[in-house]
């Protein structure tokens, strides 16, 4: 009976851990990644369109392709996230994104049409589109990402938590003690050193315990590594990247208004303060989170580039505020050494590389952690049955001697 109880408890613990690991790899992490990608793609689309609008008339083909690629990427991740979310709390925000994304793209197209004709109304439509993006679409995408990250943390905790392992060790100690006492009792009563059935049960118990300890230890180490050098750095880097994209859009929208410093410039300064680098800022947190991970170098480069970008932005504002609007636009829209647009592209590229590197680490370690459970549940059940059969055989032979 104790052998069967051991098998049931061990199989249950393995099932819980394996379920958590499967959820990390198959549901929570993909949904978290989709949420981050939706957020980033929409932010990038907003910033790209604002910058393209500055060119006037027909925007540069490269910028147009970039914008369309962002919208297509957001729609693709929205589709996969909706399929993965099911009836989870993220479903409501995903429905909001699905309903409002066509409205946003429609307003952008209207702004483009008016801009081609040289109508000032185009700027108003673009501001309206950006307001919809910032007031509705991005908050919904942020909620999707936050809810997915919460699910990811819960699934990771289920797969790596210690309480279940402690329960398993307690039951293992009870079963081991019972097997030891049974064989000791038989040795004293029958003067036979070994009972083959109980020896077989003991060997099966040791094998199952060693398998469990190794598999649970390896899985826990891999999943904790996936979180420490994968999902946690990616989340910090994604927050910094989205903030940088918002500031880039603010820079372009201020120039589109052509009215000097305005609410968009005020937002730029607020985002700059939050983005950093500096104590308690997003970039500093991202650099700290990536320490020891493959994305550490790119994150450090992003922090350095951000400081240079702020300096270029101050030059843009100086030119614009002193009647040199075209020169200011040139620094934002035309590539060149020290230009604001070039430095932002370098900043965004560094953050994107860091995110990609750490996502690869998460995927490799989380998959390895999940694979550690392969065959374990069936294995402990079979070994428990062998233990029970060995006990029954060993004791029945001794009882038969008294017939």
Protein backbone atom coordinates (compact mmCIF):
# COMPACT_ATOMS: atom_id res chain seq x y z
CA UNK A 1 0.00 0.00 0.00
CA UNK A 2 2.84 2.40 0.81
CA UNK A 3 4.48 1.56 -2.52
CA UNK A 4 1.27 2.43 -4.37
CA UNK A 5 0.87 5.62 -2.34
CA UNK A 6 4.45 6.54 -3.25
CA UNK A 7 3.71 5.99 -6.93
CA UNK A 8 0.54 8.08 -6.76
CA UNK A 9 2.23 10.99 -4.94
CA UNK A 10 5.30 10.92 -7.20
CA UNK A 11 3.17 10.84 -10.36
CA UNK A 12 1.03 13.73 -9.07
CA UNK A 13 4.08 15.86 -8.27
CA UNK A 14 5.61 15.14 -11.67
CA UNK A 15 2.29 15.91 -13.37
CA UNK A 16 2.07 19.29 -11.62
CA UNK A 17 5.66 20.21 -12.45
CA UNK A 18 5.40 19.01 -16.05
CA UNK A 19 2.11 20.87 -16.50
CA UNK A 20 3.73 24.09 -15.30
CA UNK A 21 6.73 23.57 -17.60
CA UNK A 22 4.48 22.81 -20.57
CA UNK A 23 2.48 25.95 -19.85
CA UNK A 24 5.67 28.03 -19.69
CA UNK A 25 6.87 26.78 -23.08
CA UNK A 26 3.59 26.21 -24.91
CA UNK A 27 1.17 28.90 -23.67
CA UNK A 28 2.37 31.56 -21.23
CA UNK A 29 5.67 32.43 -22.89
CA UNK A 30 4.24 32.57 -26.44
CA UNK A 31 1.38 34.76 -25.20
CA UNK A 32 3.84 36.99 -23.32
CA UNK A 33 6.01 37.25 -26.43
CA UNK A 34 2.98 38.04 -28.60
CA UNK A 35 1.95 40.79 -26.18
CA UNK A 36 5.43 42.32 -26.24
CA UNK A 37 5.62 42.10 -30.03
CA UNK A 38 2.19 43.67 -30.47
CA UNK A 39 3.18 46.52 -28.17
CA UNK A 40 6.50 47.06 -29.89
CA UNK A 41 5.12 46.78 -33.44
CA UNK A 42 2.34 49.29 -32.73
CA UNK A 43 4.74 51.71 -31.03
CA UNK A 44 7.16 51.43 -33.92
CA UNK A 45 4.36 51.92 -36.47
CA UNK A 46 3.27 55.11 -34.71
CA UNK A 47 6.84 56.47 -34.56
CA UNK A 48 7.61 55.44 -38.15
CA UNK A 49 4.49 57.05 -39.59
CA UNK A 50 5.10 60.27 -37.67
CA UNK A 51 8.65 60.47 -39.01
CA UNK A 52 7.53 59.62 -42.56
CA UNK A 53 4.87 62.35 -42.35
CA UNK A 54 7.61 64.95 -41.85
CA UNK A 55 8.91 64.29 -45.37
CA UNK A 56 5.78 65.91 -46.77
CA UNK A 57 3.84 64.80 -49.84
CA UNK A 58 4.53 61.16 -50.68
CA UNK A 59 6.52 59.65 -47.80
CA UNK A 60 9.76 57.72 -48.50
CA UNK A 61 9.06 54.18 -49.80
CA UNK A 62 11.31 52.63 -47.13
CA UNK A 63 9.33 54.29 -44.36
CA UNK A 64 6.06 53.17 -45.93
CA UNK A 65 7.27 49.56 -46.11
CA UNK A 66 8.45 49.76 -42.53
CA UNK A 67 5.07 51.01 -41.34
CA UNK A 68 3.15 48.33 -43.26
CA UNK A 69 5.50 45.64 -41.91
CA UNK A 70 4.82 46.83 -38.36
CA UNK A 71 1.06 46.72 -38.88
CA UNK A 72 1.30 43.26 -40.46
CA UNK A 73 3.46 42.02 -37.58
CA UNK A 74 1.04 43.40 -35.00
CA UNK A 75 -1.91 41.75 -36.80
CA UNK A 76 -0.06 38.42 -37.01
CA UNK A 77 0.82 38.40 -33.31
CA UNK A 78 -2.68 39.55 -32.46
CA UNK A 79 -4.08 36.51 -34.28
CA UNK A 80 -1.77 34.04 -32.54
CA UNK A 81 -2.29 35.70 -29.14
CA UNK A 82 -6.06 35.49 -29.53
CA UNK A 83 -5.79 31.77 -30.32
CA UNK A 84 -3.53 31.18 -27.29
CA UNK A 85 -5.50 33.35 -24.85
CA UNK A 86 -8.80 31.48 -25.18
CA UNK A 87 -11.09 32.76 -22.41
CA UNK A 88 -8.30 34.13 -20.24
CA UNK A 89 -8.37 37.73 -18.90
CA UNK A 90 -6.25 38.82 -21.89
CA UNK A 91 -9.09 38.03 -24.32
CA UNK A 92 -10.95 41.28 -23.61
CA UNK A 93 -7.93 43.47 -24.38
CA UNK A 94 -7.16 41.43 -27.47
CA UNK A 95 -10.72 42.07 -28.67
CA UNK A 96 -10.17 45.80 -28.15
CA UNK A 97 -6.99 45.65 -30.23
CA UNK A 98 -8.75 43.74 -33.01
CA UNK A 99 -11.57 46.30 -33.13
CA UNK A 100 -9.47 49.50 -32.91
CA UNK A 101 -6.47 48.62 -35.10
CA UNK A 102 -8.45 49.10 -38.37
CA UNK A 103 -9.68 52.47 -37.04
CA UNK A 104 -6.11 53.57 -36.41
CA UNK A 105 -4.88 52.50 -39.85
CA UNK A 106 -7.86 54.24 -41.45
CA UNK A 107 -7.03 57.54 -39.77
CA UNK A 108 -3.39 57.18 -40.84
CA UNK A 109 -4.44 56.66 -44.46
CA UNK A 110 -6.64 59.75 -44.31
CA UNK A 111 -3.72 61.73 -42.89
CA UNK A 112 -1.47 60.47 -45.71
CA UNK A 113 -4.00 61.44 -48.37
CA UNK A 114 -4.35 64.97 -46.98
CA UNK A 115 -0.58 65.27 -46.62
CA UNK A 116 -0.08 64.38 -50.28
CA UNK A 117 -2.41 67.23 -51.20
CA UNK A 118 -0.62 69.62 -48.87
CA UNK A 119 -3.68 70.03 -46.64
CA UNK A 120 -3.00 71.02 -42.99
CA UNK A 121 -5.87 68.72 -41.97
CA UNK A 122 -3.51 65.78 -42.45
CA UNK A 123 -1.59 66.72 -39.31
CA UNK A 124 -4.83 66.76 -37.33
CA UNK A 125 -5.73 63.27 -38.51
CA UNK A 126 -2.24 62.03 -37.64
CA UNK A 127 -2.52 63.50 -34.14
CA UNK A 128 -5.91 61.83 -33.77
CA UNK A 129 -4.45 58.51 -34.90
CA UNK A 130 -1.55 58.88 -32.45
CA UNK A 131 -3.99 59.72 -29.64
CA UNK A 132 -5.95 56.55 -30.43
CA UNK A 133 -2.73 54.57 -30.40
CA UNK A 134 -1.57 55.96 -27.07
CA UNK A 135 -4.95 56.13 -25.39
CA UNK A 136 -6.46 52.81 -26.45
CA UNK A 137 -4.26 50.45 -28.46
CA UNK A 138 -1.02 50.62 -26.46
CA UNK A 139 -2.73 50.37 -23.04
CA UNK A 140 -4.61 47.29 -24.27
CA UNK A 141 -1.38 45.76 -25.58
CA UNK A 142 0.36 46.58 -22.30
CA UNK A 143 -2.41 44.82 -20.35
CA UNK A 144 -2.11 41.74 -22.58
CA UNK A 145 1.63 41.62 -21.91
CA UNK A 146 1.18 42.16 -18.16
CA UNK A 147 -1.46 39.44 -17.88
CA UNK A 148 0.69 37.04 -19.91
CA UNK A 149 3.71 37.80 -17.72
CA UNK A 150 1.59 37.09 -14.65
CA UNK A 151 0.58 33.73 -16.12
CA UNK A 152 4.21 33.03 -17.01
CA UNK A 153 5.33 33.73 -13.43
CA UNK A 154 2.58 31.49 -12.04
CA UNK A 155 3.43 28.64 -14.43
CA UNK A 156 7.16 28.99 -13.70
CA UNK A 157 6.44 28.93 -9.97
CA UNK A 158 4.36 25.77 -10.39
CA UNK A 159 7.19 24.11 -12.29
CA UNK A 160 9.96 25.14 -9.86
CA UNK A 161 8.28 25.53 -6.45
CA UNK A 162 9.81 23.69 -3.47
CA UNK A 163 6.70 22.68 -1.42
CA UNK A 164 5.79 19.82 -3.76
CA UNK A 165 9.35 18.54 -3.69
CA UNK A 166 9.30 18.57 0.12
CA UNK A 167 6.08 16.52 0.13
CA UNK A 168 7.77 14.04 -2.19
CA UNK A 169 10.80 13.73 0.10
CA UNK A 170 8.59 13.14 3.16
CA UNK A 171 6.71 10.31 1.43
CA UNK A 172 10.00 8.87 0.13
CA UNK A 173 11.40 8.84 3.68
CA UNK A 174 8.31 7.04 5.00
CA UNK A 175 8.41 4.39 2.26
CA UNK A 176 12.18 3.89 2.66
CA UNK A 177 11.83 3.52 6.42
CA UNK A 178 9.01 1.00 6.02
CA UNK A 179 11.03 -1.11 3.57
CA UNK A 180 14.05 -1.03 5.85
CA UNK A 181 12.05 -2.04 8.94
CA UNK A 182 10.23 -4.82 7.08
CA UNK A 183 13.48 -6.37 5.90
CA UNK A 184 15.07 -5.98 9.31
CA UNK A 185 12.09 -7.64 10.99
CA UNK A 186 12.19 -10.57 8.55
CA UNK A 187 15.94 -10.97 9.02
CA UNK A 188 15.55 -11.21 12.79
CA UNK A 189 12.62 -13.64 12.62
CA UNK A 190 13.75 -15.90 9.78
CA UNK A 191 17.53 -15.52 9.97
CA UNK A 192 17.67 -14.94 6.22
CA UNK A 193 19.80 -12.02 5.16
CA UNK A 194 17.93 -11.03 1.99
CA UNK A 195 14.31 -11.15 0.87
CA UNK A 196 14.41 -11.06 -2.96
CA UNK A 197 11.00 -9.42 -3.29
CA UNK A 198 11.73 -6.64 -0.82
CA UNK A 199 15.22 -6.16 -2.26
CA UNK A 200 13.63 -5.66 -5.70
CA UNK A 201 11.17 -3.18 -4.18
CA UNK A 202 14.04 -1.31 -2.50
CA UNK A 203 16.04 -1.13 -5.73
CA UNK A 204 12.98 0.15 -7.61
CA UNK A 205 12.41 2.76 -4.88
CA UNK A 206 16.03 3.98 -5.08
CA UNK A 207 15.87 4.15 -8.89
CA UNK A 208 12.63 6.13 -8.87
CA UNK A 209 13.90 8.51 -6.17
CA UNK A 210 17.18 9.15 -7.99
CA UNK A 211 15.35 9.71 -11.27
CA UNK A 212 12.98 12.14 -9.59
CA UNK A 213 15.73 14.06 -7.81
CA UNK A 214 17.85 14.40 -10.96
CA UNK A 215 14.93 15.27 -13.27
CA UNK A 216 13.33 17.77 -10.87
CA UNK A 217 16.70 19.35 -10.10
CA UNK A 218 17.69 19.70 -13.76
CA UNK A 219 14.26 21.04 -14.73
CA UNK A 220 14.25 23.55 -11.89
CA UNK A 221 17.75 24.79 -12.75
CA UNK A 222 16.87 25.18 -16.44
CA UNK A 223 13.59 26.96 -15.77
CA UNK A 224 15.14 29.32 -13.22
CA UNK A 225 17.90 30.07 -15.75
CA UNK A 226 15.23 30.72 -18.38
CA UNK A 227 13.61 33.26 -16.10
CA UNK A 228 16.80 34.92 -14.80
CA UNK A 229 18.58 35.25 -18.17
CA UNK A 230 15.57 35.08 -20.49
CA UNK A 231 12.11 36.32 -19.62
CA UNK A 232 13.16 38.83 -16.92
CA UNK A 233 15.77 40.65 -19.09
CA UNK A 234 13.43 40.56 -22.10
CA UNK A 235 10.64 42.22 -20.11
CA UNK A 236 12.99 44.98 -18.90
CA UNK A 237 14.43 45.54 -22.38
CA UNK A 238 10.97 45.62 -23.98
CA UNK A 239 9.83 48.35 -21.58
CA UNK A 240 12.87 50.45 -22.44
CA UNK A 241 12.39 49.90 -26.18
CA UNK A 242 8.74 50.93 -26.11
CA UNK A 243 9.59 54.06 -24.12
CA UNK A 244 12.28 54.97 -26.68
CA UNK A 245 9.81 54.49 -29.54
CA UNK A 246 7.29 56.76 -27.82
CA UNK A 247 9.92 59.47 -27.39
CA UNK A 248 10.88 59.14 -31.06
CA UNK A 249 7.26 59.63 -32.08
CA UNK A 250 7.04 62.66 -29.76
CA UNK A 251 10.07 64.19 -31.48
CA UNK A 252 8.43 63.88 -34.91
CA UNK A 253 4.97 65.00 -33.78
CA UNK A 254 6.44 68.16 -32.25
CA UNK A 255 7.99 69.02 -35.61
CA UNK A 256 4.74 68.19 -37.44
CA UNK A 257 2.87 70.69 -35.27
CA UNK A 258 5.54 73.31 -36.18
CA UNK A 259 4.52 75.37 -33.19
CA UNK A 260 7.62 75.08 -31.06
CA UNK A 261 7.69 73.14 -27.79
CA UNK A 262 4.27 71.62 -27.10
CA UNK A 263 2.64 68.73 -25.24
CA UNK A 264 4.59 66.22 -27.33
CA UNK A 265 7.89 67.82 -26.34
CA UNK A 266 6.78 67.75 -22.71
CA UNK A 267 6.00 64.06 -23.11
CA UNK A 268 9.42 63.51 -24.69
CA UNK A 269 11.12 65.01 -21.65
CA UNK A 270 8.99 62.92 -19.30
CA UNK A 271 9.82 59.74 -21.22
CA UNK A 272 13.51 60.71 -21.32
CA UNK A 273 13.49 61.03 -17.54
CA UNK A 274 11.86 57.61 -17.20
CA UNK A 275 14.03 55.95 -19.86
CA UNK A 276 17.39 57.10 -18.54
CA UNK A 277 20.10 55.99 -18.15
CA UNK A 278 20.27 56.91 -14.48
CA UNK A 279 19.29 55.51 -11.08
CA UNK A 280 15.88 53.85 -11.17
CA UNK A 281 15.40 54.32 -14.94
CA UNK A 282 14.31 51.75 -17.50
CA UNK A 283 17.65 51.53 -19.29
CA UNK A 284 19.59 51.13 -16.06
CA UNK A 285 17.17 48.43 -14.93
CA UNK A 286 17.55 46.71 -18.29
CA UNK A 287 21.36 46.78 -18.05
CA UNK A 288 21.15 45.30 -14.54
CA UNK A 289 18.66 42.63 -15.63
CA UNK A 290 20.85 41.53 -18.55
CA UNK A 291 24.02 41.24 -16.49
CA UNK A 292 25.49 37.84 -17.35
CA UNK A 293 23.08 37.24 -20.24
CA UNK A 294 23.88 37.34 -24.00
CA UNK A 295 22.09 40.67 -24.34
CA UNK A 296 24.29 42.49 -21.81
CA UNK A 297 26.61 44.09 -24.36
CA UNK A 298 23.80 45.40 -26.56
CA UNK A 299 21.92 46.73 -23.52
CA UNK A 300 24.99 48.66 -22.36
CA UNK A 301 25.45 50.06 -25.88
CA UNK A 302 21.81 51.20 -25.87
CA UNK A 303 22.34 53.12 -22.63
CA UNK A 304 25.35 54.93 -24.11
CA UNK A 305 23.55 55.70 -27.37
CA UNK A 306 20.52 57.09 -25.52
CA UNK A 307 22.66 59.84 -23.98
CA UNK A 308 23.99 60.82 -27.41
CA UNK A 309 20.45 60.79 -28.84
CA UNK A 310 19.24 63.23 -26.17
CA UNK A 311 22.03 65.59 -27.16
CA UNK A 312 21.02 65.39 -30.82
CA UNK A 313 17.39 66.00 -29.83
CA UNK A 314 18.38 69.18 -28.01
CA UNK A 315 20.02 70.37 -31.23
CA UNK A 316 16.78 69.59 -33.13
CA UNK A 317 14.75 71.63 -30.65
CA UNK A 318 17.24 74.52 -30.76
CA UNK A 319 17.03 74.69 -34.55
CA UNK A 320 13.23 74.41 -34.60
CA UNK A 321 12.74 77.02 -31.87
CA UNK A 322 15.00 79.45 -33.73
CA UNK A 323 13.21 79.39 -37.06
CA UNK A 324 15.27 76.64 -38.71
CA UNK A 325 12.47 74.14 -39.05
CA UNK A 326 13.75 72.48 -42.23
CA UNK A 327 17.19 71.90 -40.73
CA UNK A 328 15.55 70.35 -37.65
CA UNK A 329 13.45 68.04 -39.83
CA UNK A 330 16.58 67.10 -41.77
CA UNK A 331 18.30 65.90 -38.58
CA UNK A 332 15.34 63.67 -37.75
CA UNK A 333 14.52 62.24 -41.17
CA UNK A 334 17.90 62.00 -42.93
CA UNK A 335 20.65 59.54 -41.96
CA UNK A 336 23.96 61.09 -41.01
CA UNK A 337 26.66 61.14 -38.31
CA UNK A 338 25.26 62.58 -35.11
CA UNK A 339 21.76 62.99 -36.56
CA UNK A 340 18.88 62.36 -34.19
CA UNK A 341 17.22 59.82 -36.50
CA UNK A 342 20.45 57.86 -36.93
CA UNK A 343 21.15 57.74 -33.20
CA UNK A 344 17.62 56.60 -32.45
CA UNK A 345 17.93 53.83 -35.05
CA UNK A 346 21.13 52.72 -33.35
CA UNK A 347 19.44 52.78 -29.93
CA UNK A 348 16.45 50.82 -31.16
CA UNK A 349 18.69 48.30 -32.94
CA UNK A 350 20.75 47.67 -29.80
CA UNK A 351 17.63 47.01 -27.72
CA UNK A 352 16.17 44.76 -30.41
CA UNK A 353 19.38 42.69 -30.58
CA UNK A 354 19.45 42.33 -26.82
CA UNK A 355 15.81 41.19 -26.76
CA UNK A 356 16.42 38.61 -29.50
CA UNK A 357 19.51 37.21 -27.76
CA UNK A 358 17.78 36.81 -24.40
CA UNK A 359 14.63 35.36 -25.96
CA UNK A 360 16.79 32.64 -27.50
CA UNK A 361 18.23 31.88 -24.05
CA UNK A 362 14.75 31.63 -22.57
CA UNK A 363 13.49 29.33 -25.30
CA UNK A 364 16.51 26.98 -25.06
CA UNK A 365 16.46 26.71 -21.27
CA UNK A 366 12.68 26.47 -20.90
CA UNK A 367 12.52 23.73 -23.52
CA UNK A 368 15.33 21.84 -21.79
CA UNK A 369 13.49 22.16 -18.48
CA UNK A 370 10.30 20.80 -19.99
CA UNK A 371 12.13 17.91 -21.66
CA UNK A 372 13.58 16.82 -18.33
CA UNK A 373 10.11 15.49 -17.42
CA UNK A 374 9.87 13.28 -20.52
CA UNK A 375 8.78 9.77 -19.51
CA UNK A 376 9.12 10.53 -15.79
CA UNK A 377 5.45 10.24 -14.84
CA UNK A 378 5.03 6.87 -16.54
CA UNK A 379 8.38 5.74 -15.16
CA UNK A 380 7.54 6.38 -11.50
CA UNK A 381 4.18 4.66 -11.89
CA UNK A 382 5.82 1.54 -13.40
CA UNK A 383 8.49 1.52 -10.69
CA UNK A 384 5.84 1.87 -7.97
CA UNK A 385 3.99 -1.12 -9.42
CA UNK A 386 7.28 -3.07 -9.40
CA UNK A 387 7.76 -2.06 -5.77
CA UNK A 388 4.27 -3.24 -4.86
CA UNK A 389 4.71 -6.50 -6.75
CA UNK A 390 8.10 -7.12 -5.11
CA UNK A 391 6.64 -6.52 -1.65
CA UNK A 392 3.71 -8.84 -2.34
CA UNK A 393 5.98 -11.57 -3.71
CA UNK A 394 8.52 -11.32 -0.92
CA UNK A 395 5.97 -11.41 1.89
CA UNK A 396 3.77 -14.09 0.31
CA UNK A 397 6.73 -16.50 0.10
CA UNK A 398 7.40 -16.09 3.80
CA UNK A 399 3.74 -16.50 4.71
CA UNK A 400 3.54 -19.66 2.55
CA UNK A 401 6.16 -21.31 4.77
CA UNK A 402 3.67 -21.41 7.62
CA UNK A 403 0.94 -23.26 5.75
